[in-house]
């Protein structure tokens, strides 16, 4: 079961409450966004209607990068390129122990919901926690540059093991590889064998997409 402290922090995220005591870039930017823009519990609806809001958040983030020197200029070269997912390009870090992900937030209606998802991931799956290095802009597209531990798999993950772990933590399998935590108001999607790896009989959730809904 999720510890009470974790559950309390999750509630703060889903209700748009500022998270106290967190000094990392992810939490700082999320706190700034949630004090300037509303937190939605219908993030899977009306993507087009929220496009103007997302563009305002892009301008907000670009201004923040200018003021705080968060533009990344030393990205890994193409010789470090690993793969591309639905929302991110992935590179092997020079230390060979981490990956660098360039994420354009395309799965989210707003950048606030993107950062909420990152913080939820870090709380629930701390062994693959993200850190935010900064941002880059390619053409008109803004990318968050994230660093994450590099996980290798030593066996084929069993989807039943994923289900057991998530069920233990209060999630219900509501559709194929999608889960919902009704009490906390969380949706977690696409928990299949490309987004969850196993090593030394331990599950590592390397790619997650969280959405927030009204708790039941």
N, C-alpha and C. Protein backbone atom coordinates (compact mmCIF):
# COMPACT_ATOMS: atom_id res chain seq x y z
N UNK A 1 0.83 -1.20 0.00
CA UNK A 1 0.00 0.00 0.00
C UNK A 1 0.87 1.26 0.00
N UNK A 2 0.36 2.29 -0.63
CA UNK A 2 1.10 3.55 -0.65
C UNK A 2 1.12 4.16 0.74
N UNK A 3 2.29 4.63 1.21
CA UNK A 3 2.37 5.25 2.54
C UNK A 3 1.47 6.48 2.63
N UNK A 4 1.06 6.81 3.85
CA UNK A 4 0.18 7.96 4.05
C UNK A 4 0.82 9.26 3.59
N UNK A 5 2.14 9.40 3.79
CA UNK A 5 2.82 10.61 3.36
C UNK A 5 2.77 10.75 1.84
N UNK A 6 2.94 9.63 1.13
CA UNK A 6 2.86 9.65 -0.33
C UNK A 6 1.45 9.99 -0.77
N UNK A 7 0.46 9.40 -0.13
CA UNK A 7 -0.94 9.66 -0.48
C UNK A 7 -1.28 11.13 -0.26
N UNK A 8 -0.75 11.72 0.80
CA UNK A 8 -1.00 13.14 1.07
C UNK A 8 -0.39 14.02 -0.01
N UNK A 9 0.82 13.67 -0.46
CA UNK A 9 1.47 14.44 -1.52
C UNK A 9 0.73 14.29 -2.85
N UNK A 10 0.23 13.09 -3.11
CA UNK A 10 -0.56 12.87 -4.33
C UNK A 10 -1.82 13.73 -4.31
N UNK A 11 -2.47 13.81 -3.16
CA UNK A 11 -3.66 14.64 -3.04
C UNK A 11 -3.34 16.10 -3.31
N UNK A 12 -2.20 16.57 -2.82
CA UNK A 12 -1.79 17.95 -3.08
C UNK A 12 -1.61 18.20 -4.58
N UNK A 13 -1.04 17.22 -5.28
CA UNK A 13 -0.83 17.36 -6.72
C UNK A 13 -2.16 17.42 -7.45
N UNK A 14 -3.06 16.51 -7.14
CA UNK A 14 -4.32 16.42 -7.89
C UNK A 14 -5.27 17.57 -7.58
N UNK A 15 -5.10 18.21 -6.42
CA UNK A 15 -5.97 19.33 -6.06
C UNK A 15 -5.36 20.69 -6.39
N UNK A 16 -4.15 20.69 -6.95
CA UNK A 16 -3.52 21.95 -7.33
C UNK A 16 -2.91 22.71 -6.17
N UNK A 17 -2.55 21.98 -5.11
CA UNK A 17 -1.93 22.59 -3.95
C UNK A 17 -0.42 22.67 -4.13
N UNK A 18 0.17 23.77 -3.73
CA UNK A 18 1.63 23.93 -3.80
C UNK A 18 2.29 22.90 -2.90
N UNK A 19 3.31 22.23 -3.42
CA UNK A 19 4.05 21.22 -2.65
C UNK A 19 5.17 21.91 -1.90
N UNK A 20 5.11 21.85 -0.59
CA UNK A 20 6.10 22.52 0.24
C UNK A 20 7.36 21.67 0.39
N UNK A 21 8.50 22.34 0.50
CA UNK A 21 9.74 21.66 0.83
C UNK A 21 10.47 21.02 -0.33
N UNK A 22 9.91 21.05 -1.53
CA UNK A 22 10.57 20.44 -2.69
C UNK A 22 11.35 21.51 -3.45
N UNK A 23 12.63 21.23 -3.68
CA UNK A 23 13.51 22.22 -4.30
C UNK A 23 13.95 21.84 -5.71
N UNK A 24 13.58 20.65 -6.19
CA UNK A 24 14.02 20.24 -7.52
C UNK A 24 13.27 21.02 -8.59
N UNK A 25 13.82 21.03 -9.81
CA UNK A 25 13.24 21.81 -10.89
C UNK A 25 11.81 21.37 -11.22
N UNK A 26 11.55 20.06 -11.20
CA UNK A 26 10.21 19.57 -11.55
C UNK A 26 9.16 20.15 -10.61
N UNK A 27 9.43 20.06 -9.31
CA UNK A 27 8.46 20.56 -8.33
C UNK A 27 8.35 22.08 -8.38
N UNK A 28 9.49 22.75 -8.56
CA UNK A 28 9.48 24.22 -8.62
C UNK A 28 8.62 24.72 -9.78
N UNK A 29 8.84 24.14 -10.97
CA UNK A 29 8.08 24.57 -12.14
C UNK A 29 6.62 24.19 -12.00
N UNK A 30 6.35 23.01 -11.49
CA UNK A 30 4.95 22.60 -11.28
C UNK A 30 4.25 23.56 -10.32
N UNK A 31 4.93 23.92 -9.23
CA UNK A 31 4.33 24.84 -8.27
C UNK A 31 4.03 26.20 -8.90
N UNK A 32 4.97 26.69 -9.71
CA UNK A 32 4.75 27.97 -10.39
C UNK A 32 3.58 27.89 -11.36
N UNK A 33 3.50 26.79 -12.10
CA UNK A 33 2.39 26.62 -13.05
C UNK A 33 1.05 26.53 -12.33
N UNK A 34 1.01 25.80 -11.22
CA UNK A 34 -0.28 25.61 -10.56
C UNK A 34 -0.74 26.85 -9.80
N UNK A 35 0.17 27.79 -9.53
CA UNK A 35 -0.26 29.06 -8.94
C UNK A 35 -0.69 30.06 -10.00
N UNK A 36 -0.37 29.76 -11.27
CA UNK A 36 -0.72 30.67 -12.37
C UNK A 36 -1.82 30.14 -13.27
N UNK A 37 -2.02 28.81 -13.26
CA UNK A 37 -3.01 28.18 -14.14
C UNK A 37 -3.81 27.15 -13.34
N UNK A 38 -5.06 26.90 -13.74
CA UNK A 38 -5.89 25.94 -13.01
C UNK A 38 -5.47 24.50 -13.24
N UNK A 39 -5.60 23.67 -12.19
CA UNK A 39 -5.39 22.23 -12.31
C UNK A 39 -6.70 21.58 -12.72
N UNK A 40 -6.66 20.77 -13.76
CA UNK A 40 -7.87 20.15 -14.29
C UNK A 40 -7.97 18.70 -13.86
N UNK A 41 -9.19 18.24 -13.59
CA UNK A 41 -9.45 16.82 -13.33
C UNK A 41 -10.20 16.20 -14.50
N UNK A 42 -10.17 16.87 -15.63
CA UNK A 42 -10.76 16.32 -16.86
C UNK A 42 -9.72 16.43 -17.98
N UNK A 43 -8.49 16.03 -17.66
CA UNK A 43 -7.38 16.28 -18.59
C UNK A 43 -7.46 15.45 -19.85
N UNK A 44 -8.26 14.40 -19.88
CA UNK A 44 -8.38 13.59 -21.09
C UNK A 44 -9.46 14.13 -22.02
N UNK A 45 -10.07 15.22 -21.64
CA UNK A 45 -11.14 15.80 -22.44
C UNK A 45 -10.70 17.16 -23.00
N UNK A 46 -11.25 17.49 -24.17
CA UNK A 46 -11.11 18.83 -24.74
C UNK A 46 -9.65 19.26 -24.91
N UNK A 47 -8.84 18.39 -25.55
CA UNK A 47 -7.45 18.76 -25.83
C UNK A 47 -7.38 20.02 -26.68
N UNK A 48 -8.24 20.09 -27.71
CA UNK A 48 -8.21 21.25 -28.60
C UNK A 48 -8.60 22.52 -27.86
N UNK A 49 -9.59 22.40 -26.98
CA UNK A 49 -10.04 23.57 -26.23
C UNK A 49 -8.99 24.11 -25.29
N UNK A 50 -8.07 23.23 -24.86
CA UNK A 50 -7.01 23.66 -23.94
C UNK A 50 -5.73 24.05 -24.67
N UNK A 51 -5.75 24.04 -26.01
CA UNK A 51 -4.53 24.34 -26.76
C UNK A 51 -4.04 25.77 -26.52
N UNK A 52 -4.97 26.70 -26.38
CA UNK A 52 -4.58 28.09 -26.11
C UNK A 52 -3.91 28.19 -24.74
N UNK A 53 -4.47 27.48 -23.76
CA UNK A 53 -3.89 27.46 -22.42
C UNK A 53 -2.49 26.86 -22.45
N UNK A 54 -2.33 25.79 -23.23
CA UNK A 54 -1.01 25.15 -23.31
C UNK A 54 0.01 26.09 -23.93
N UNK A 55 -0.40 26.86 -24.95
CA UNK A 55 0.51 27.82 -25.57
C UNK A 55 0.91 28.92 -24.58
N UNK A 56 -0.02 29.33 -23.74
CA UNK A 56 0.32 30.32 -22.71
C UNK A 56 1.35 29.74 -21.74
N UNK A 57 1.20 28.45 -21.43
CA UNK A 57 2.16 27.81 -20.54
C UNK A 57 3.52 27.65 -21.20
N UNK A 58 3.55 27.44 -22.52
CA UNK A 58 4.82 27.40 -23.25
C UNK A 58 5.54 28.74 -23.09
N UNK A 59 4.82 29.83 -23.30
CA UNK A 59 5.42 31.16 -23.14
C UNK A 59 5.91 31.37 -21.71
N UNK A 60 5.14 30.90 -20.75
CA UNK A 60 5.52 31.00 -19.34
C UNK A 60 6.82 30.24 -19.08
N UNK A 61 6.91 29.01 -19.62
CA UNK A 61 8.10 28.19 -19.41
C UNK A 61 9.33 28.78 -20.11
N UNK A 62 9.13 29.32 -21.30
CA UNK A 62 10.25 29.92 -22.03
C UNK A 62 10.80 31.13 -21.26
N UNK A 63 9.92 31.93 -20.71
CA UNK A 63 10.34 33.07 -19.91
C UNK A 63 11.09 32.61 -18.66
N UNK A 64 10.59 31.53 -18.04
CA UNK A 64 11.25 30.97 -16.85
C UNK A 64 12.65 30.47 -17.21
N UNK A 65 12.78 29.82 -18.36
CA UNK A 65 14.09 29.33 -18.81
C UNK A 65 15.06 30.49 -19.05
N UNK A 66 14.57 31.55 -19.65
CA UNK A 66 15.41 32.73 -19.90
C UNK A 66 15.92 33.35 -18.60
N UNK A 67 15.06 33.38 -17.59
CA UNK A 67 15.41 34.01 -16.33
C UNK A 67 16.29 33.12 -15.45
N UNK A 68 16.22 31.80 -15.66
CA UNK A 68 16.91 30.87 -14.76
C UNK A 68 17.94 29.99 -15.46
N UNK A 69 18.29 30.37 -16.69
CA UNK A 69 19.34 29.65 -17.43
C UNK A 69 19.05 28.15 -17.53
N UNK A 70 17.85 27.81 -17.96
CA UNK A 70 17.45 26.40 -18.04
C UNK A 70 17.41 25.88 -19.48
N UNK A 71 17.96 26.63 -20.42
CA UNK A 71 18.06 26.12 -21.78
C UNK A 71 19.25 25.17 -21.87
N UNK A 72 18.99 23.95 -22.34
CA UNK A 72 20.04 22.93 -22.44
C UNK A 72 20.74 23.06 -23.79
N UNK A 73 22.05 23.15 -23.76
CA UNK A 73 22.83 23.33 -25.00
C UNK A 73 23.77 22.16 -25.29
N UNK A 74 23.87 21.20 -24.37
CA UNK A 74 24.82 20.10 -24.54
C UNK A 74 24.10 18.75 -24.54
N UNK A 75 23.17 18.60 -25.46
CA UNK A 75 22.43 17.34 -25.58
C UNK A 75 23.35 16.23 -26.09
N UNK A 76 23.03 14.97 -25.78
CA UNK A 76 23.82 13.85 -26.32
C UNK A 76 23.77 13.85 -27.85
N UNK A 77 24.84 13.37 -28.47
CA UNK A 77 24.89 13.28 -29.92
C UNK A 77 24.09 12.10 -30.44
N UNK A 78 23.94 12.05 -31.75
CA UNK A 78 23.16 10.97 -32.35
C UNK A 78 23.80 9.60 -32.12
N UNK A 79 25.10 9.57 -31.81
CA UNK A 79 25.74 8.29 -31.51
C UNK A 79 25.25 7.71 -30.18
N UNK A 80 24.54 8.52 -29.38
CA UNK A 80 23.99 8.06 -28.10
C UNK A 80 22.49 7.79 -28.19
N UNK A 81 21.93 7.95 -29.38
CA UNK A 81 20.49 7.76 -29.57
C UNK A 81 20.11 6.31 -29.35
N UNK A 82 19.02 6.08 -28.59
CA UNK A 82 18.53 4.73 -28.30
C UNK A 82 17.23 4.41 -29.01
N UNK A 83 16.22 5.26 -28.83
CA UNK A 83 14.91 4.94 -29.38
C UNK A 83 14.02 6.17 -29.33
N UNK A 84 12.86 6.03 -29.92
CA UNK A 84 11.85 7.09 -29.86
C UNK A 84 10.52 6.47 -29.49
N UNK A 85 9.85 7.04 -28.50
CA UNK A 85 8.52 6.59 -28.12
C UNK A 85 7.48 7.54 -28.65
N UNK A 86 6.27 7.42 -28.14
CA UNK A 86 5.18 8.26 -28.61
C UNK A 86 5.36 9.73 -28.30
N UNK A 87 6.08 10.04 -27.21
CA UNK A 87 6.23 11.44 -26.81
C UNK A 87 7.67 11.84 -26.54
N UNK A 88 8.62 10.92 -26.65
CA UNK A 88 9.99 11.26 -26.25
C UNK A 88 11.03 10.60 -27.14
N UNK A 89 12.15 11.32 -27.34
CA UNK A 89 13.36 10.74 -27.90
C UNK A 89 14.28 10.38 -26.73
N UNK A 90 14.94 9.23 -26.84
CA UNK A 90 15.72 8.72 -25.71
C UNK A 90 17.18 8.55 -26.13
N UNK A 91 18.08 9.06 -25.30
CA UNK A 91 19.52 8.97 -25.54
C UNK A 91 20.20 8.39 -24.30
N UNK A 92 21.30 7.69 -24.52
CA UNK A 92 22.10 7.19 -23.41
C UNK A 92 23.01 8.31 -22.90
N UNK A 93 22.97 8.55 -21.61
CA UNK A 93 23.82 9.57 -20.99
C UNK A 93 25.28 9.16 -21.08
N UNK A 94 26.17 10.13 -21.01
CA UNK A 94 27.60 9.85 -21.11
C UNK A 94 28.12 8.97 -19.98
N UNK A 95 27.40 8.90 -18.84
CA UNK A 95 27.83 8.04 -17.74
C UNK A 95 27.39 6.59 -17.92
N UNK A 96 26.61 6.34 -18.96
CA UNK A 96 26.09 4.99 -19.26
C UNK A 96 25.21 4.42 -18.15
N UNK A 97 24.82 5.26 -17.21
CA UNK A 97 23.96 4.81 -16.10
C UNK A 97 22.59 5.46 -16.14
N UNK A 98 22.42 6.43 -17.02
CA UNK A 98 21.16 7.16 -17.13
C UNK A 98 20.77 7.33 -18.59
N UNK A 99 19.53 7.66 -18.80
CA UNK A 99 19.07 8.06 -20.13
C UNK A 99 18.61 9.51 -20.07
N UNK A 100 18.69 10.17 -21.21
CA UNK A 100 18.17 11.52 -21.38
C UNK A 100 16.96 11.42 -22.29
N UNK A 101 15.84 11.97 -21.84
CA UNK A 101 14.61 11.93 -22.62
C UNK A 101 14.18 13.34 -22.98
N UNK A 102 13.93 13.55 -24.27
CA UNK A 102 13.36 14.81 -24.74
C UNK A 102 11.88 14.59 -24.94
N UNK A 103 11.07 15.22 -24.10
CA UNK A 103 9.63 14.97 -24.08
C UNK A 103 8.88 16.24 -24.45
N UNK A 104 8.01 16.14 -25.46
CA UNK A 104 7.26 17.33 -25.91
C UNK A 104 5.89 17.46 -25.25
N UNK A 105 5.57 16.56 -24.31
CA UNK A 105 4.31 16.68 -23.58
C UNK A 105 3.07 16.49 -24.43
N UNK A 106 3.20 15.79 -25.56
CA UNK A 106 2.08 15.68 -26.50
C UNK A 106 0.91 14.88 -25.93
N UNK A 107 1.16 14.03 -24.94
CA UNK A 107 0.08 13.23 -24.36
C UNK A 107 -0.79 14.02 -23.39
N UNK A 108 -0.41 15.26 -23.13
CA UNK A 108 -1.10 16.04 -22.09
C UNK A 108 -1.73 17.29 -22.67
N UNK A 109 -2.88 17.65 -22.13
CA UNK A 109 -3.58 18.84 -22.60
C UNK A 109 -2.84 20.11 -22.24
N UNK A 110 -2.11 20.08 -21.12
CA UNK A 110 -1.35 21.26 -20.67
C UNK A 110 0.00 20.82 -20.12
N UNK A 111 0.92 21.75 -20.03
CA UNK A 111 2.22 21.46 -19.43
C UNK A 111 2.11 21.25 -17.93
N UNK A 112 1.14 21.86 -17.29
CA UNK A 112 0.93 21.61 -15.87
C UNK A 112 0.61 20.15 -15.64
N UNK A 113 -0.25 19.57 -16.47
CA UNK A 113 -0.59 18.16 -16.30
C UNK A 113 0.61 17.26 -16.59
N UNK A 114 1.47 17.68 -17.51
CA UNK A 114 2.71 16.94 -17.76
C UNK A 114 3.56 16.88 -16.49
N UNK A 115 3.77 18.03 -15.86
CA UNK A 115 4.61 18.04 -14.66
C UNK A 115 3.93 17.36 -13.48
N UNK A 116 2.61 17.44 -13.41
CA UNK A 116 1.91 16.66 -12.39
C UNK A 116 2.19 15.17 -12.58
N UNK A 117 2.17 14.71 -13.83
CA UNK A 117 2.42 13.30 -14.12
C UNK A 117 3.84 12.90 -13.73
N UNK A 118 4.81 13.77 -14.02
CA UNK A 118 6.20 13.48 -13.65
C UNK A 118 6.34 13.35 -12.13
N UNK A 119 5.73 14.26 -11.39
CA UNK A 119 5.82 14.21 -9.93
C UNK A 119 5.11 12.99 -9.37
N UNK A 120 3.98 12.61 -9.97
CA UNK A 120 3.29 11.40 -9.54
C UNK A 120 4.16 10.17 -9.78
N UNK A 121 4.80 10.12 -10.93
CA UNK A 121 5.72 9.02 -11.23
C UNK A 121 6.83 8.96 -10.17
N UNK A 122 7.43 10.09 -9.86
CA UNK A 122 8.54 10.11 -8.90
C UNK A 122 8.11 9.67 -7.51
N UNK A 123 6.88 9.98 -7.13
CA UNK A 123 6.37 9.57 -5.83
C UNK A 123 6.10 8.08 -5.77
N UNK A 124 5.49 7.54 -6.81
CA UNK A 124 5.02 6.16 -6.79
C UNK A 124 6.09 5.18 -7.25
N UNK A 125 6.93 5.60 -8.20
CA UNK A 125 7.97 4.72 -8.76
C UNK A 125 9.34 5.38 -8.58
N UNK A 126 9.76 5.51 -7.34
CA UNK A 126 10.96 6.28 -7.03
C UNK A 126 12.24 5.64 -7.56
N UNK A 127 12.23 4.33 -7.86
CA UNK A 127 13.46 3.69 -8.37
C UNK A 127 13.74 4.04 -9.82
N UNK A 128 12.80 4.72 -10.47
CA UNK A 128 13.04 5.24 -11.83
C UNK A 128 12.66 6.72 -11.90
N UNK A 129 12.92 7.44 -10.82
CA UNK A 129 12.51 8.85 -10.74
C UNK A 129 13.20 9.70 -11.80
N UNK A 130 12.47 10.69 -12.29
CA UNK A 130 12.98 11.65 -13.26
C UNK A 130 13.58 12.86 -12.54
N UNK A 131 14.58 13.45 -13.14
CA UNK A 131 15.02 14.79 -12.76
C UNK A 131 14.99 15.66 -14.02
N UNK A 132 14.61 16.90 -13.85
CA UNK A 132 14.53 17.83 -14.98
C UNK A 132 15.85 18.57 -15.12
N UNK A 133 16.48 18.43 -16.30
CA UNK A 133 17.72 19.15 -16.58
C UNK A 133 17.42 20.55 -17.09
N UNK A 134 16.40 20.65 -17.93
CA UNK A 134 16.02 21.94 -18.50
C UNK A 134 15.14 21.73 -19.71
N UNK A 135 15.25 22.63 -20.69
CA UNK A 135 14.39 22.59 -21.87
C UNK A 135 15.21 22.87 -23.12
N UNK A 136 14.70 22.40 -24.25
CA UNK A 136 15.21 22.81 -25.56
C UNK A 136 14.01 23.14 -26.43
N UNK A 137 14.25 23.94 -27.46
CA UNK A 137 13.20 24.24 -28.42
C UNK A 137 13.72 23.94 -29.82
N UNK A 138 12.97 23.12 -30.55
CA UNK A 138 13.31 22.77 -31.92
C UNK A 138 12.19 23.26 -32.81
N UNK A 139 12.46 24.27 -33.61
CA UNK A 139 11.40 24.90 -34.38
C UNK A 139 10.43 25.57 -33.44
N UNK A 140 9.17 25.18 -33.51
CA UNK A 140 8.15 25.75 -32.61
C UNK A 140 7.82 24.81 -31.45
N UNK A 141 8.54 23.69 -31.35
CA UNK A 141 8.22 22.68 -30.35
C UNK A 141 9.13 22.78 -29.14
N UNK A 142 8.52 22.87 -27.96
CA UNK A 142 9.26 22.89 -26.70
C UNK A 142 9.39 21.47 -26.16
N UNK A 143 10.59 21.12 -25.70
CA UNK A 143 10.84 19.81 -25.12
C UNK A 143 11.38 19.97 -23.70
N UNK A 144 10.84 19.19 -22.78
CA UNK A 144 11.47 19.05 -21.47
C UNK A 144 12.59 18.03 -21.59
N UNK A 145 13.74 18.33 -21.00
CA UNK A 145 14.89 17.42 -21.03
C UNK A 145 14.98 16.75 -19.66
N UNK A 146 14.72 15.45 -19.64
CA UNK A 146 14.64 14.70 -18.39
C UNK A 146 15.76 13.67 -18.30
N UNK A 147 16.21 13.42 -17.09
CA UNK A 147 17.22 12.40 -16.82
C UNK A 147 16.60 11.31 -15.95
N UNK A 148 16.89 10.06 -16.28
CA UNK A 148 16.29 8.93 -15.58
C UNK A 148 17.30 7.78 -15.53
N UNK A 149 17.29 6.97 -14.45
CA UNK A 149 18.18 5.80 -14.42
C UNK A 149 17.97 4.89 -15.64
N UNK A 150 19.06 4.38 -16.17
CA UNK A 150 19.01 3.47 -17.31
C UNK A 150 18.82 2.05 -16.80
N UNK A 151 17.71 1.45 -17.17
CA UNK A 151 17.35 0.11 -16.70
C UNK A 151 17.48 -0.88 -17.85
N UNK A 152 18.18 -1.97 -17.59
CA UNK A 152 18.22 -3.07 -18.55
C UNK A 152 17.38 -4.22 -18.02
N UNK A 153 16.79 -4.96 -18.92
CA UNK A 153 15.91 -6.07 -18.53
C UNK A 153 16.67 -7.38 -18.61
N UNK A 154 16.46 -8.26 -17.62
CA UNK A 154 17.08 -9.58 -17.66
C UNK A 154 16.07 -10.70 -17.83
N UNK A 155 14.80 -10.32 -18.08
CA UNK A 155 13.75 -11.32 -18.29
C UNK A 155 12.54 -10.63 -18.91
N UNK A 156 11.64 -11.44 -19.45
CA UNK A 156 10.39 -10.90 -19.98
C UNK A 156 9.44 -10.59 -18.83
N UNK A 157 8.93 -9.38 -18.79
CA UNK A 157 8.03 -9.01 -17.70
C UNK A 157 6.70 -9.74 -17.84
N UNK A 158 6.15 -10.16 -16.72
CA UNK A 158 4.85 -10.82 -16.68
C UNK A 158 3.79 -9.76 -16.37
N UNK A 159 2.83 -9.60 -17.27
CA UNK A 159 1.79 -8.59 -17.06
C UNK A 159 1.01 -8.83 -15.78
N UNK A 160 0.91 -10.08 -15.35
CA UNK A 160 0.23 -10.38 -14.10
C UNK A 160 0.99 -9.83 -12.90
N UNK A 161 2.33 -9.79 -13.00
CA UNK A 161 3.12 -9.21 -11.91
C UNK A 161 2.89 -7.70 -11.82
N UNK A 162 2.76 -7.06 -12.98
CA UNK A 162 2.43 -5.63 -12.99
C UNK A 162 1.08 -5.41 -12.32
N UNK A 163 0.12 -6.23 -12.70
CA UNK A 163 -1.23 -6.10 -12.14
C UNK A 163 -1.23 -6.30 -10.63
N UNK A 164 -0.49 -7.31 -10.16
CA UNK A 164 -0.44 -7.59 -8.72
C UNK A 164 0.14 -6.41 -7.95
N UNK A 165 1.23 -5.84 -8.46
CA UNK A 165 1.86 -4.72 -7.76
C UNK A 165 0.95 -3.50 -7.73
N UNK A 166 0.35 -3.18 -8.87
CA UNK A 166 -0.52 -2.01 -8.91
C UNK A 166 -1.78 -2.23 -8.07
N UNK A 167 -2.32 -3.44 -8.08
CA UNK A 167 -3.49 -3.75 -7.26
C UNK A 167 -3.16 -3.60 -5.78
N UNK A 168 -1.98 -4.05 -5.39
CA UNK A 168 -1.53 -3.92 -3.99
C UNK A 168 -1.50 -2.45 -3.57
N UNK A 169 -1.20 -1.58 -4.51
CA UNK A 169 -1.12 -0.14 -4.22
C UNK A 169 -2.42 0.60 -4.49
N UNK A 170 -3.51 -0.14 -4.67
CA UNK A 170 -4.83 0.48 -4.74
C UNK A 170 -5.37 0.75 -6.13
N UNK A 171 -4.64 0.36 -7.17
CA UNK A 171 -5.11 0.56 -8.54
C UNK A 171 -5.98 -0.60 -8.99
N UNK A 172 -6.95 -0.30 -9.84
CA UNK A 172 -7.81 -1.32 -10.44
C UNK A 172 -7.54 -1.39 -11.93
N UNK A 173 -7.45 -2.59 -12.46
CA UNK A 173 -7.26 -2.80 -13.90
C UNK A 173 -8.62 -2.62 -14.58
N UNK A 174 -8.82 -1.48 -15.23
CA UNK A 174 -10.14 -1.17 -15.78
C UNK A 174 -10.25 -1.40 -17.28
N UNK A 175 -9.11 -1.52 -17.98
CA UNK A 175 -9.18 -1.77 -19.42
C UNK A 175 -7.81 -2.18 -19.93
N UNK A 176 -7.69 -3.38 -20.45
CA UNK A 176 -6.44 -3.90 -20.99
C UNK A 176 -5.26 -3.59 -20.06
N UNK A 177 -4.36 -2.70 -20.47
CA UNK A 177 -3.19 -2.37 -19.64
C UNK A 177 -3.33 -1.03 -18.94
N UNK A 178 -4.58 -0.58 -18.77
CA UNK A 178 -4.86 0.70 -18.11
C UNK A 178 -5.39 0.46 -16.70
N UNK A 179 -5.08 1.40 -15.81
CA UNK A 179 -5.46 1.26 -14.41
C UNK A 179 -6.03 2.57 -13.89
N UNK A 180 -6.83 2.45 -12.84
CA UNK A 180 -7.41 3.63 -12.19
C UNK A 180 -7.31 3.47 -10.68
N UNK A 181 -7.00 4.54 -10.00
CA UNK A 181 -7.03 4.58 -8.53
C UNK A 181 -8.16 5.53 -8.17
N UNK A 182 -9.32 4.98 -7.89
CA UNK A 182 -10.52 5.79 -7.70
C UNK A 182 -10.41 6.70 -6.47
N UNK A 183 -9.83 6.18 -5.40
CA UNK A 183 -9.74 6.97 -4.17
C UNK A 183 -8.85 8.19 -4.34
N UNK A 184 -7.74 8.03 -5.05
CA UNK A 184 -6.79 9.13 -5.23
C UNK A 184 -7.05 9.94 -6.50
N UNK A 185 -7.93 9.43 -7.37
CA UNK A 185 -8.26 10.15 -8.59
C UNK A 185 -7.16 10.11 -9.63
N UNK A 186 -6.59 8.92 -9.84
CA UNK A 186 -5.49 8.76 -10.80
C UNK A 186 -5.84 7.76 -11.88
N UNK A 187 -5.46 8.06 -13.11
CA UNK A 187 -5.51 7.11 -14.22
C UNK A 187 -4.07 6.86 -14.66
N UNK A 188 -3.72 5.59 -14.84
CA UNK A 188 -2.38 5.19 -15.28
C UNK A 188 -2.54 4.29 -16.50
N UNK A 189 -1.95 4.70 -17.61
CA UNK A 189 -2.22 4.00 -18.88
C UNK A 189 -0.99 3.31 -19.46
N UNK A 190 -1.28 2.28 -20.28
CA UNK A 190 -0.28 1.59 -21.10
C UNK A 190 0.82 0.93 -20.28
N UNK A 191 0.43 0.18 -19.26
CA UNK A 191 1.42 -0.53 -18.45
C UNK A 191 1.70 -1.91 -19.04
N UNK A 192 2.41 -1.89 -20.19
CA UNK A 192 2.74 -3.14 -20.89
C UNK A 192 4.25 -3.37 -20.83
N UNK A 193 4.70 -4.40 -21.54
CA UNK A 193 6.09 -4.85 -21.39
C UNK A 193 7.13 -3.96 -22.05
N UNK A 194 6.73 -2.88 -22.68
CA UNK A 194 7.71 -1.91 -23.17
C UNK A 194 7.89 -0.75 -22.19
N UNK A 195 6.89 -0.54 -21.36
CA UNK A 195 6.94 0.57 -20.40
C UNK A 195 7.31 0.12 -18.99
N UNK A 196 7.30 -1.19 -18.77
CA UNK A 196 7.70 -1.76 -17.48
C UNK A 196 8.72 -2.86 -17.76
N UNK A 197 9.88 -2.78 -17.11
CA UNK A 197 10.93 -3.78 -17.28
C UNK A 197 11.14 -4.53 -15.97
N UNK A 198 11.79 -5.69 -16.07
CA UNK A 198 12.11 -6.47 -14.87
C UNK A 198 13.61 -6.74 -14.85
N UNK A 199 14.20 -6.57 -13.68
CA UNK A 199 15.61 -6.88 -13.48
C UNK A 199 15.78 -7.38 -12.05
N UNK A 200 16.44 -8.52 -11.90
CA UNK A 200 16.63 -9.13 -10.58
C UNK A 200 15.30 -9.28 -9.86
N UNK A 201 14.28 -9.68 -10.63
CA UNK A 201 12.93 -9.94 -10.10
C UNK A 201 12.28 -8.69 -9.51
N UNK A 202 12.74 -7.53 -9.92
CA UNK A 202 12.15 -6.26 -9.49
C UNK A 202 11.57 -5.54 -10.70
N UNK A 203 10.37 -5.01 -10.55
CA UNK A 203 9.73 -4.27 -11.63
C UNK A 203 10.21 -2.82 -11.64
N UNK A 204 10.49 -2.33 -12.84
CA UNK A 204 10.90 -0.94 -13.02
C UNK A 204 9.95 -0.29 -14.03
N UNK A 205 9.17 0.67 -13.57
CA UNK A 205 8.24 1.40 -14.42
C UNK A 205 9.01 2.57 -15.05
N UNK A 206 9.38 2.42 -16.32
CA UNK A 206 10.26 3.41 -16.95
C UNK A 206 9.50 4.47 -17.72
N UNK A 207 8.29 4.16 -18.16
CA UNK A 207 7.47 5.13 -18.90
C UNK A 207 6.05 5.06 -18.38
N UNK A 208 5.60 6.13 -17.77
CA UNK A 208 4.23 6.17 -17.25
C UNK A 208 3.54 7.43 -17.73
N UNK A 209 2.23 7.34 -17.86
CA UNK A 209 1.40 8.49 -18.19
C UNK A 209 0.26 8.53 -17.18
N UNK A 210 0.31 9.52 -16.30
CA UNK A 210 -0.74 9.70 -15.30
C UNK A 210 -1.69 10.81 -15.73
N UNK A 211 -2.97 10.58 -15.51
CA UNK A 211 -3.98 11.63 -15.64
C UNK A 211 -4.72 11.72 -14.31
N UNK A 212 -5.23 12.91 -14.01
CA UNK A 212 -5.97 13.10 -12.77
C UNK A 212 -7.46 13.25 -13.06
N UNK A 213 -8.27 12.62 -12.23
CA UNK A 213 -9.72 12.68 -12.34
C UNK A 213 -10.28 12.99 -10.96
N UNK A 214 -11.56 13.25 -10.89
CA UNK A 214 -12.19 13.53 -9.60
C UNK A 214 -12.22 12.24 -8.78
N UNK A 215 -11.66 12.24 -7.56
CA UNK A 215 -11.68 11.03 -6.73
C UNK A 215 -13.11 10.61 -6.42
N UNK A 216 -13.31 9.30 -6.30
CA UNK A 216 -14.65 8.81 -5.96
C UNK A 216 -14.80 8.69 -4.45
